[in-house]
Protein backbone atom coordinates (compact mmCIF):
# COMPACT_ATOMS: atom_id res chain seq x y z
CA UNK A 1 0.12 0.04 -0.17
CA UNK A 2 3.18 2.32 0.87
CA UNK A 3 4.46 1.70 -2.36
CA UNK A 4 1.33 2.28 -4.34
CA UNK A 5 0.78 5.79 -2.58
CA UNK A 6 4.95 6.46 -3.66
CA UNK A 7 4.14 5.70 -7.02
CA UNK A 8 0.87 7.80 -7.46
CA UNK A 9 2.88 10.77 -6.03
CA UNK A 10 5.57 10.34 -7.95
CA UNK A 11 3.48 10.25 -11.00
CA UNK A 12 1.06 13.26 -9.55
CA UNK A 13 4.62 15.30 -8.80
CA UNK A 14 6.05 14.52 -12.45
CA UNK A 15 2.65 15.39 -14.26
CA UNK A 16 2.56 18.76 -12.41
CA UNK A 17 6.06 19.95 -12.79
CA UNK A 18 5.39 18.88 -16.73
CA UNK A 19 2.55 21.21 -16.62
CA UNK A 20 3.73 23.94 -15.03
CA UNK A 21 7.08 24.00 -16.54
CA UNK A 22 7.97 21.92 -19.79
CA UNK A 23 11.30 21.78 -18.75
CA UNK A 24 11.76 18.18 -19.82
CA UNK A 25 13.28 17.57 -23.12
CA UNK A 26 10.20 15.24 -24.37
CA UNK A 27 6.91 14.33 -23.10
CA UNK A 28 5.25 11.26 -22.72
CA UNK A 29 1.63 10.54 -23.28
CA UNK A 30 0.05 7.53 -21.50
CA UNK A 31 -2.33 5.51 -23.30
CA UNK A 32 -2.95 8.44 -26.24
CA UNK A 33 -6.42 8.23 -28.17
CA UNK A 34 -6.82 7.77 -31.54
CA UNK A 35 -8.20 11.35 -31.46
CA UNK A 36 -5.18 12.83 -29.84
CA UNK A 37 -3.03 11.15 -32.33
CA UNK A 38 -5.17 12.48 -35.11
CA UNK A 39 -5.26 15.86 -33.70
CA UNK A 40 -1.43 16.29 -32.28
CA UNK A 41 -0.90 20.16 -32.25
CA UNK A 42 1.01 21.83 -34.58
CA UNK A 43 4.99 21.38 -34.26
CA UNK A 44 4.32 17.96 -32.24
CA UNK A 45 7.25 15.65 -33.45
CA UNK A 46 6.82 12.04 -32.60
CA UNK A 47 9.97 10.39 -31.59
CA UNK A 48 8.82 7.03 -30.44
CA UNK A 49 5.12 5.12 -30.50
CA UNK A 50 4.40 1.63 -29.14
CA UNK A 51 0.88 0.27 -28.20
CA UNK A 52 0.56 2.31 -24.66
CA UNK A 53 2.77 5.51 -25.07
CA UNK A 54 3.67 8.24 -27.55
CA UNK A 55 7.08 10.32 -26.44
CA UNK A 56 7.12 13.99 -28.25
CA UNK A 57 10.00 16.47 -28.55
CA UNK A 58 9.32 19.32 -26.00
CA UNK A 59 8.45 22.72 -26.94
CA UNK A 60 6.85 25.55 -25.24
CA UNK A 61 3.49 25.28 -24.65
CA UNK A 62 3.71 21.74 -25.72
CA UNK A 63 2.13 19.83 -22.42
CA UNK A 64 -1.26 22.37 -22.47
CA UNK A 65 -1.59 21.59 -26.19
CA UNK A 66 -1.25 17.96 -25.30
CA UNK A 67 -4.03 18.01 -23.02
CA UNK A 68 -6.34 20.22 -24.84
CA UNK A 69 -6.20 17.79 -27.69
CA UNK A 70 -7.10 14.85 -25.60
CA UNK A 71 -4.42 13.89 -23.59
CA UNK A 72 -5.00 12.54 -20.19
CA UNK A 73 -1.83 12.10 -18.34
CA UNK A 74 1.54 13.78 -19.98
CA UNK A 75 4.62 13.00 -17.85
CA UNK A 76 8.25 14.31 -18.64
CA UNK A 77 10.25 12.12 -21.11
CA UNK A 78 14.35 12.06 -21.88
CA UNK A 79 15.68 13.36 -18.61
CA UNK A 80 18.96 12.17 -17.52
CA UNK A 81 18.69 11.59 -13.71
CA UNK A 82 21.02 12.44 -11.17
CA UNK A 83 24.20 11.42 -13.12
CA UNK A 84 25.40 13.04 -15.69
CA UNK A 85 25.24 11.13 -19.16
CA UNK A 86 27.78 8.04 -19.80
CA UNK A 87 29.74 10.65 -22.82
CA UNK A 88 30.41 13.41 -20.41
CA UNK A 89 32.20 11.07 -17.69
CA UNK A 90 34.80 10.49 -20.59
CA UNK A 91 35.29 14.47 -20.99
CA UNK A 92 36.20 14.83 -17.27
């Protein structure tokens, strides 16, 4: 039960940060509808699609546009996390 609460809090916080900042390099839409896919916002660049999600390259205002087009959950995508990417380690 605690793990479920932590997971729900993480998803909610991620969605809120994405909606407020658009700071992530990409947007991850969970369970996109056919209507959303047919009405993607202008300038939206799809980088990956599978049976459950679509990943788009982020742009200013993209999150709000995705919600307006019918997305029910938009999460940040393409984040590197706390560690620097491996190619940065080689540079020193």
